[in-house]
Every structure is written in C-alpha cells, then in structure tokens.
C-alpha cells in the first residue's frame, strides 16, 4: 500500500509538521508527529524527538507507538535521533534512540532521523540495526562530501529547505535516487517553490523532478 500512494503524485513534502495543502490533489504532505500529539489527516510518521526524551521508551509509550505505527496511514517511525546542541547528553540520547529503533525493527518500519553534529554516532548505531533497511536523515544541510559518506552508509537524505545555493551541488554530485525535498514547516518554505527552485538551478524539468521524488518515496516506504 505504501508505495502505491505515490503513483501519479505531482508534489511531495517528505517532512513537515503541519499540513498546508490538505485540499490540494496535487500534493502529498507527510506530517511528522511527536508521540502524544494529535495526528493530522492523511499520511504521517511518529516518533519521540531527542530534544524532549528523558528516558528510554516506556512500556506505555511502546504500546502507544505500536498502535500508531500499525495505522495504514503511518509510513515510517520518526522523527527521532541525536542532537549534540540540544537535549540530554549524547550517550543518553544514543540509548533513547536504540529503544525506539528496537520498535522500528520489530515492526519493520523505515526510520526518519534528526541528526545534528552526531553523524559518527548515528553511523555506529545504524550498524547495530542491520534489519532496518531504510533510513533517512531529514533536514540535511551540510556539504556534499558528508552527504556522499552518509549515502554510502545506506542513508537517504531529505534536504533542508531555504539553502538555495546548495541545491545545485547536492543534485549534481549526489545520486538523485537517494534524495527528498521537504519544508520542515519552516514559515518561509513552500514545497512548490522548492521544486521550482531546484528545477531552475539544475535544469531538471519539474516533471522529471516529480517522477524522481515519487519513485524515491515508493522505494523508501515500501514494506
């Protein structure tokens, strides 16, 4: 089911926190919710963000997560991850992340990762969970050298919006079948503008870009 929803889709916002185009037939917005938030209409992902975790996943939280992850409209687990600039100490965050990845592994879910200055730790943890086949770092805004290293380690990357000058580098030096576009609900970011910006900078037609992003989503979310 997951892959079929991307057939004939025109524009995909891979990661946002609130729907802005819910009445548009040309748009699919995947809404990331933190456990405990009301879920939005249509398609979503759910997880526990590292900024707000205080302990490993409790038995009550596990039951709640499993119920949401079983919803046919839930496409992946996340966002979750590691952040050296905010939240608990990084060693604690690593254990918190492992407790969520155990659930993703049990339920055969793709995972959406938040990562800030902790890529070595993230790669280490990914190697501990080889059964989880699909990993995506969302909000990626760093250089293409690190991006290539992450892709070589098996990650997809959803690119940070509003960094217009980097789109050309990313799309010309990285395998486009490992990339996504997102708004992350940034006020100045609109997914339609992002598609047109990427198309203008790279000379990839809108139609080619739409097809690539939708094919990537079909591959990533297929279970």
C-alpha atoms as a PDB file:
ATOM      1  CA  UNK A   1       0.000   0.000   0.000  1.00  0.00           C
ATOM      2  CA  UNK A   2       2.689   2.489   0.988  1.00  0.00           C
ATOM      3  CA  UNK A   3       4.363   2.653  -2.401  1.00  0.00           C
ATOM      4  CA  UNK A   4       1.101   2.883  -4.385  1.00  0.00           C
ATOM      5  CA  UNK A   5       0.116   6.245  -2.864  1.00  0.00           C
ATOM      6  CA  UNK A   6       2.978   7.911  -4.729  1.00  0.00           C
ATOM      7  CA  UNK A   7       1.793   6.902  -8.183  1.00  0.00           C
ATOM      8  CA  UNK A   8       0.865   9.935 -10.313  1.00  0.00           C
ATOM      9  CA  UNK A   9       1.697  12.293  -7.455  1.00  0.00           C
ATOM     10  CA  UNK A  10       2.863  15.744  -8.502  1.00  0.00           C
ATOM     11  CA  UNK A  11       4.492  17.255  -5.404  1.00  0.00           C
ATOM     12  CA  UNK A  12       5.758  15.536  -2.239  1.00  0.00           C
ATOM     13  CA  UNK A  13       6.693  17.284   1.011  1.00  0.00           C
ATOM     14  CA  UNK A  14       8.685  14.489   2.611  1.00  0.00           C
ATOM     15  CA  UNK A  15       8.807  16.010   6.109  1.00  0.00           C
ATOM     16  CA  UNK A  16       6.579  18.662   7.611  1.00  0.00           C
ATOM     17  CA  UNK A  17       4.803  19.216  10.913  1.00  0.00           C
ATOM     18  CA  UNK A  18       1.538  20.701   9.735  1.00  0.00           C
ATOM     19  CA  UNK A  19      -0.473  20.273   6.562  1.00  0.00           C
ATOM     20  CA  UNK A  20      -0.697  23.394   4.424  1.00  0.00           C
ATOM     21  CA  UNK A  21      -2.178  21.931   1.238  1.00  0.00           C
ATOM     22  CA  UNK A  22      -4.648  19.382   2.554  1.00  0.00           C
ATOM     23  CA  UNK A  23      -7.236  20.284  -0.086  1.00  0.00           C
ATOM     24  CA  UNK A  24      -4.823  20.020  -2.996  1.00  0.00           C
ATOM     25  CA  UNK A  25      -4.972  16.897  -5.125  1.00  0.00           C
ATOM     26  CA  UNK A  26      -1.509  17.751  -6.467  1.00  0.00           C
ATOM     27  CA  UNK A  27       0.199  17.491  -3.070  1.00  0.00           C
ATOM     28  CA  UNK A  28       1.101  14.859  -0.505  1.00  0.00           C
ATOM     29  CA  UNK A  29       2.470  16.128   2.792  1.00  0.00           C
ATOM     30  CA  UNK A  30       3.936  13.606   5.217  1.00  0.00           C
ATOM     31  CA  UNK A  31       3.367  15.016   8.685  1.00  0.00           C
ATOM     32  CA  UNK A  32       5.848  14.169  11.430  1.00  0.00           C
ATOM     33  CA  UNK A  33       4.216  13.995  14.851  1.00  0.00           C
ATOM     34  CA  UNK A  34       5.747  13.560  18.291  1.00  0.00           C
ATOM     35  CA  UNK A  35       4.126  10.832  20.363  1.00  0.00           C
ATOM     36  CA  UNK A  36       1.272  12.429  22.275  1.00  0.00           C
ATOM     37  CA  UNK A  37       0.371  14.956  19.586  1.00  0.00           C
ATOM     38  CA  UNK A  38      -2.874  14.693  17.690  1.00  0.00           C
ATOM     39  CA  UNK A  39      -2.258  13.111  14.318  1.00  0.00           C
ATOM     40  CA  UNK A  40      -3.125  15.069  11.217  1.00  0.00           C
ATOM     41  CA  UNK A  41      -5.254  13.860   8.374  1.00  0.00           C
ATOM     42  CA  UNK A  42      -3.830  11.506   5.797  1.00  0.00           C
ATOM     43  CA  UNK A  43      -0.232  10.317   5.975  1.00  0.00           C
ATOM     44  CA  UNK A  44       2.143  10.685   8.897  1.00  0.00           C
ATOM     45  CA  UNK A  45       5.181   9.421  10.759  1.00  0.00           C
ATOM     46  CA  UNK A  46       5.507   9.201  14.533  1.00  0.00           C
ATOM     47  CA  UNK A  47       8.376   9.075  16.982  1.00  0.00           C
ATOM     48  CA  UNK A  48       9.989  10.688  20.018  1.00  0.00           C
ATOM     49  CA  UNK A  49      12.190  13.679  19.235  1.00  0.00           C
ATOM     50  CA  UNK A  50      15.577  13.680  21.038  1.00  0.00           C
ATOM     51  CA  UNK A  51      15.029  17.184  22.451  1.00  0.00           C
ATOM     52  CA  UNK A  52      12.168  16.012  24.627  1.00  0.00           C
ATOM     53  CA  UNK A  53      13.082  12.461  25.604  1.00  0.00           C
ATOM     54  CA  UNK A  54      14.058  11.973  29.236  1.00  0.00           C
ATOM     55  CA  UNK A  55      14.374   8.180  29.291  1.00  0.00           C
ATOM     56  CA  UNK A  56      14.216   5.116  27.082  1.00  0.00           C
ATOM     57  CA  UNK A  57      10.799   4.234  25.678  1.00  0.00           C
ATOM     58  CA  UNK A  58       8.486   3.099  28.488  1.00  0.00           C
ATOM     59  CA  UNK A  59       6.152   0.131  28.187  1.00  0.00           C
ATOM     60  CA  UNK A  60       3.189   2.538  27.929  1.00  0.00           C
ATOM     61  CA  UNK A  61       4.886   4.541  25.192  1.00  0.00           C
ATOM     62  CA  UNK A  62       5.750   1.330  23.347  1.00  0.00           C
ATOM     63  CA  UNK A  63       2.093   0.310  23.271  1.00  0.00           C
ATOM     64  CA  UNK A  64       1.087   3.781  22.037  1.00  0.00           C
ATOM     65  CA  UNK A  65       3.772   3.789  19.354  1.00  0.00           C
ATOM     66  CA  UNK A  66       2.876   0.310  18.151  1.00  0.00           C
ATOM     67  CA  UNK A  67      -0.773   1.306  17.810  1.00  0.00           C
ATOM     68  CA  UNK A  68       0.085   4.346  15.700  1.00  0.00           C
ATOM     69  CA  UNK A  69       2.697   2.507  13.642  1.00  0.00           C
ATOM     70  CA  UNK A  70       0.064  -0.102  12.796  1.00  0.00           C
ATOM     71  CA  UNK A  71      -2.165   2.554  11.214  1.00  0.00           C
ATOM     72  CA  UNK A  72      -2.126   2.107   7.408  1.00  0.00           C
ATOM     73  CA  UNK A  73      -1.553   5.863   7.057  1.00  0.00           C
ATOM     74  CA  UNK A  74       1.618   5.731   9.170  1.00  0.00           C
ATOM     75  CA  UNK A  75       4.501   5.496   6.715  1.00  0.00           C
ATOM     76  CA  UNK A  76       7.565   5.400   8.986  1.00  0.00           C
ATOM     77  CA  UNK A  77       8.858   5.844  12.515  1.00  0.00           C
ATOM     78  CA  UNK A  78      10.341   9.216  13.401  1.00  0.00           C
ATOM     79  CA  UNK A  79      11.489  11.705  13.664  1.00  0.00           C
ATOM     80  CA  UNK A  80      13.960  10.503  16.264  1.00  0.00           C
ATOM     81  CA  UNK A  81      17.690  10.804  16.567  1.00  0.00           C
ATOM     82  CA  UNK A  82      20.697  12.585  18.004  1.00  0.00           C
ATOM     83  CA  UNK A  83      21.492  16.243  18.649  1.00  0.00           C
ATOM     84  CA  UNK A  84      24.718  17.452  20.248  1.00  0.00           C
ATOM     85  CA  UNK A  85      23.436  21.017  20.514  1.00  0.00           C
ATOM     86  CA  UNK A  86      20.181  20.416  22.354  1.00  0.00           C
ATOM     87  CA  UNK A  87      18.657  17.800  24.627  1.00  0.00           C
ATOM     88  CA  UNK A  88      20.163  15.272  27.071  1.00  0.00           C
ATOM     89  CA  UNK A  89      23.829  14.186  26.935  1.00  0.00           C
ATOM     90  CA  UNK A  90      24.654  12.382  23.703  1.00  0.00           C
ATOM     91  CA  UNK A  91      25.300   8.989  25.345  1.00  0.00           C
ATOM     92  CA  UNK A  92      21.817   9.119  26.866  1.00  0.00           C
ATOM     93  CA  UNK A  93      20.340  10.134  23.515  1.00  0.00           C
ATOM     94  CA  UNK A  94      22.020   7.139  21.898  1.00  0.00           C
ATOM     95  CA  UNK A  95      20.309   4.786  24.333  1.00  0.00           C
ATOM     96  CA  UNK A  96      16.995   6.584  23.844  1.00  0.00           C
ATOM     97  CA  UNK A  97      17.366   6.185  20.088  1.00  0.00           C
ATOM     98  CA  UNK A  98      18.186   2.492  20.398  1.00  0.00           C
ATOM     99  CA  UNK A  99      14.992   1.962  22.410  1.00  0.00           C
ATOM    100  CA  UNK A 100      12.968   3.384  19.512  1.00  0.00           C
ATOM    101  CA  UNK A 101      14.906   1.525  16.851  1.00  0.00           C
ATOM    102  CA  UNK A 102      14.095  -1.739  18.630  1.00  0.00           C
ATOM    103  CA  UNK A 103      10.426  -0.999  17.982  1.00  0.00           C
ATOM    104  CA  UNK A 104      11.037   0.021  14.362  1.00  0.00           C
ATOM    105  CA  UNK A 105      12.931  -3.222  13.851  1.00  0.00           C
ATOM    106  CA  UNK A 106      10.152  -5.315  15.393  1.00  0.00           C
ATOM    107  CA  UNK A 107       7.551  -3.640  13.180  1.00  0.00           C
ATOM    108  CA  UNK A 108       9.683  -3.496  10.009  1.00  0.00           C
ATOM    109  CA  UNK A 109       9.333   0.278   9.689  1.00  0.00           C
ATOM    110  CA  UNK A 110      11.542   2.733   7.819  1.00  0.00           C
ATOM    111  CA  UNK A 111      13.007   5.411  10.098  1.00  0.00           C
ATOM    112  CA  UNK A 112      13.288   9.205   9.834  1.00  0.00           C
ATOM    113  CA  UNK A 113      16.309  10.610  11.659  1.00  0.00           C
ATOM    114  CA  UNK A 114      17.064  14.024  13.167  1.00  0.00           C
ATOM    115  CA  UNK A 115      20.840  14.425  13.442  1.00  0.00           C
ATOM    116  CA  UNK A 116      22.898  17.437  14.489  1.00  0.00           C
ATOM    117  CA  UNK A 117      26.690  17.065  14.735  1.00  0.00           C
ATOM    118  CA  UNK A 118      26.402  13.404  15.713  1.00  0.00           C
ATOM    119  CA  UNK A 119      26.895  11.608  12.405  1.00  0.00           C
ATOM    120  CA  UNK A 120      29.656   9.308  13.662  1.00  0.00           C
ATOM    121  CA  UNK A 121      27.411   8.140  16.495  1.00  0.00           C
ATOM    122  CA  UNK A 122      24.490   7.737  14.087  1.00  0.00           C
ATOM    123  CA  UNK A 123      26.525   5.574  11.707  1.00  0.00           C
ATOM    124  CA  UNK A 124      27.656   3.469  14.679  1.00  0.00           C
ATOM    125  CA  UNK A 125      24.069   2.902  15.780  1.00  0.00           C
ATOM    126  CA  UNK A 126      22.883   2.123  12.242  1.00  0.00           C
ATOM    127  CA  UNK A 127      25.376  -0.737  12.119  1.00  0.00           C
ATOM    128  CA  UNK A 128      23.740  -2.180  15.259  1.00  0.00           C
ATOM    129  CA  UNK A 129      20.384  -2.465  13.450  1.00  0.00           C
ATOM    130  CA  UNK A 130      21.061  -4.115  10.075  1.00  0.00           C
ATOM    131  CA  UNK A 131      17.489  -5.418   9.908  1.00  0.00           C
ATOM    132  CA  UNK A 132      16.203  -1.855   9.453  1.00  0.00           C
ATOM    133  CA  UNK A 133      16.720  -1.375   5.739  1.00  0.00           C
ATOM    134  CA  UNK A 134      15.515   2.182   5.120  1.00  0.00           C
ATOM    135  CA  UNK A 135      16.976   5.180   6.979  1.00  0.00           C
ATOM    136  CA  UNK A 136      16.570   8.837   6.046  1.00  0.00           C
ATOM    137  CA  UNK A 137      18.282  11.832   7.655  1.00  0.00           C
ATOM    138  CA  UNK A 138      15.815  14.684   7.341  1.00  0.00           C
ATOM    139  CA  UNK A 139      16.740  18.372   7.260  1.00  0.00           C
ATOM    140  CA  UNK A 140      20.187  17.694   5.822  1.00  0.00           C
ATOM    141  CA  UNK A 141      22.033  20.969   5.314  1.00  0.00           C
ATOM    142  CA  UNK A 142      25.710  20.084   5.286  1.00  0.00           C
ATOM    143  CA  UNK A 143      28.164  19.721   2.421  1.00  0.00           C
ATOM    144  CA  UNK A 144      28.070  17.092  -0.308  1.00  0.00           C
ATOM    145  CA  UNK A 145      31.194  15.252   0.930  1.00  0.00           C
ATOM    146  CA  UNK A 146      29.470  14.240   4.169  1.00  0.00           C
ATOM    147  CA  UNK A 147      26.294  13.602   2.209  1.00  0.00           C
ATOM    148  CA  UNK A 148      28.117  11.132  -0.029  1.00  0.00           C
ATOM    149  CA  UNK A 149      29.558   9.375   3.040  1.00  0.00           C
ATOM    150  CA  UNK A 150      26.074   9.020   4.542  1.00  0.00           C
ATOM    151  CA  UNK A 151      24.598   7.734   1.289  1.00  0.00           C
ATOM    152  CA  UNK A 152      27.447   5.225   1.056  1.00  0.00           C
ATOM    153  CA  UNK A 153      26.428   4.045   4.544  1.00  0.00           C
ATOM    154  CA  UNK A 154      22.898   3.414   3.282  1.00  0.00           C
ATOM    155  CA  UNK A 155      21.100   6.624   4.222  1.00  0.00           C
ATOM    156  CA  UNK A 156      18.638   8.615   2.179  1.00  0.00           C
ATOM    157  CA  UNK A 157      18.766  12.396   2.698  1.00  0.00           C
ATOM    158  CA  UNK A 158      15.851  14.826   2.858  1.00  0.00           C
ATOM    159  CA  UNK A 159      17.331  18.225   2.077  1.00  0.00           C
ATOM    160  CA  UNK A 160      16.958  21.247   4.316  1.00  0.00           C
ATOM    161  CA  UNK A 161      14.799  23.944   2.710  1.00  0.00           C
ATOM    162  CA  UNK A 162      15.857  27.584   2.289  1.00  0.00           C
ATOM    163  CA  UNK A 163      19.515  26.762   1.467  1.00  0.00           C
ATOM    164  CA  UNK A 164      19.048  27.571  -2.195  1.00  0.00           C
ATOM    165  CA  UNK A 165      22.739  27.812  -3.039  1.00  0.00           C
ATOM    166  CA  UNK A 166      23.339  24.168  -2.081  1.00  0.00           C
ATOM    167  CA  UNK A 167      20.660  22.522  -4.219  1.00  0.00           C
ATOM    168  CA  UNK A 168      22.809  22.659  -7.348  1.00  0.00           C
ATOM    169  CA  UNK A 169      25.749  20.968  -5.591  1.00  0.00           C
ATOM    170  CA  UNK A 170      23.572  18.309  -3.978  1.00  0.00           C
ATOM    171  CA  UNK A 171      21.677  17.410  -7.150  1.00  0.00           C
ATOM    172  CA  UNK A 172      24.737  17.353  -9.411  1.00  0.00           C
ATOM    173  CA  UNK A 173      27.124  15.439  -7.123  1.00  0.00           C
ATOM    174  CA  UNK A 174      24.819  13.019  -5.284  1.00  0.00           C
ATOM    175  CA  UNK A 175      22.703  10.115  -6.559  1.00  0.00           C
ATOM    176  CA  UNK A 176      19.293  11.706  -7.038  1.00  0.00           C
ATOM    177  CA  UNK A 177      17.546   8.441  -6.179  1.00  0.00           C
ATOM    178  CA  UNK A 178      18.618   8.940  -2.546  1.00  0.00           C
ATOM    179  CA  UNK A 179      17.256  12.480  -2.120  1.00  0.00           C
ATOM    180  CA  UNK A 180      13.994  14.052  -0.941  1.00  0.00           C
ATOM    181  CA  UNK A 181      12.631  17.582  -0.666  1.00  0.00           C
ATOM    182  CA  UNK A 182      10.901  18.939   2.431  1.00  0.00           C
ATOM    183  CA  UNK A 183       9.699  22.125   4.137  1.00  0.00           C
ATOM    184  CA  UNK A 184      10.002  21.031   7.798  1.00  0.00           C
ATOM    185  CA  UNK A 185       7.163  23.557   8.307  1.00  0.00           C
ATOM    186  CA  UNK A 186       9.591  26.459   8.024  1.00  0.00           C
ATOM    187  CA  UNK A 187       7.464  29.613   7.546  1.00  0.00           C
ATOM    188  CA  UNK A 188       9.475  30.799   4.539  1.00  0.00           C
ATOM    189  CA  UNK A 189       9.476  27.386   2.833  1.00  0.00           C
ATOM    190  CA  UNK A 190       6.824  26.244   0.376  1.00  0.00           C
ATOM    191  CA  UNK A 191       7.244  22.906  -1.341  1.00  0.00           C
ATOM    192  CA  UNK A 192       6.049  24.248  -4.693  1.00  0.00           C
ATOM    193  CA  UNK A 193       8.694  26.972  -4.589  1.00  0.00           C
ATOM    194  CA  UNK A 194      11.343  24.395  -3.620  1.00  0.00           C
ATOM    195  CA  UNK A 195      10.544  22.196  -6.621  1.00  0.00           C
ATOM    196  CA  UNK A 196      10.711  25.184  -8.966  1.00  0.00           C
ATOM    197  CA  UNK A 197      13.966  26.401  -7.398  1.00  0.00           C
ATOM    198  CA  UNK A 198      15.638  23.015  -7.791  1.00  0.00           C
ATOM    199  CA  UNK A 199      14.367  22.749 -11.365  1.00  0.00           C
ATOM    200  CA  UNK A 200      15.678  26.210 -12.246  1.00  0.00           C
ATOM    201  CA  UNK A 201      19.105  25.657 -10.708  1.00  0.00           C
ATOM    202  CA  UNK A 202      19.696  22.156 -12.045  1.00  0.00           C
ATOM    203  CA  UNK A 203      17.857  22.245 -15.392  1.00  0.00           C
ATOM    204  CA  UNK A 204      15.933  19.168 -14.272  1.00  0.00           C
ATOM    205  CA  UNK A 205      12.375  19.599 -15.514  1.00  0.00           C
ATOM    206  CA  UNK A 206       9.571  19.762 -12.963  1.00  0.00           C
ATOM    207  CA  UNK A 207       8.154  16.555 -14.421  1.00  0.00           C
ATOM    208  CA  UNK A 208      11.479  14.718 -14.084  1.00  0.00           C
ATOM    209  CA  UNK A 209      11.908  16.004 -10.544  1.00  0.00           C
ATOM    210  CA  UNK A 210       8.400  14.935  -9.560  1.00  0.00           C
ATOM    211  CA  UNK A 211       8.931  11.475 -11.019  1.00  0.00           C
ATOM    212  CA  UNK A 212      12.278  11.074  -9.243  1.00  0.00           C
ATOM    213  CA  UNK A 213      10.970  12.164  -5.832  1.00  0.00           C
ATOM    214  CA  UNK A 214       7.902   9.953  -6.138  1.00  0.00           C
ATOM    215  CA  UNK A 215       9.943   6.946  -7.216  1.00  0.00           C
ATOM    216  CA  UNK A 216      12.299   7.543  -4.292  1.00  0.00           C
ATOM    217  CA  UNK A 217       9.349   7.624  -1.897  1.00  0.00           C
ATOM    218  CA  UNK A 218       7.923   4.415  -3.353  1.00  0.00           C
ATOM    219  CA  UNK A 219      11.254   2.700  -2.765  1.00  0.00           C
ATOM    220  CA  UNK A 220      11.809   4.154   0.696  1.00  0.00           C
ATOM    221  CA  UNK A 221       8.374   3.477   2.154  1.00  0.00           C
ATOM    222  CA  UNK A 222       7.755   0.099   0.514  1.00  0.00           C
ATOM    223  CA  UNK A 223       7.255  -2.609   3.125  1.00  0.00           C
END
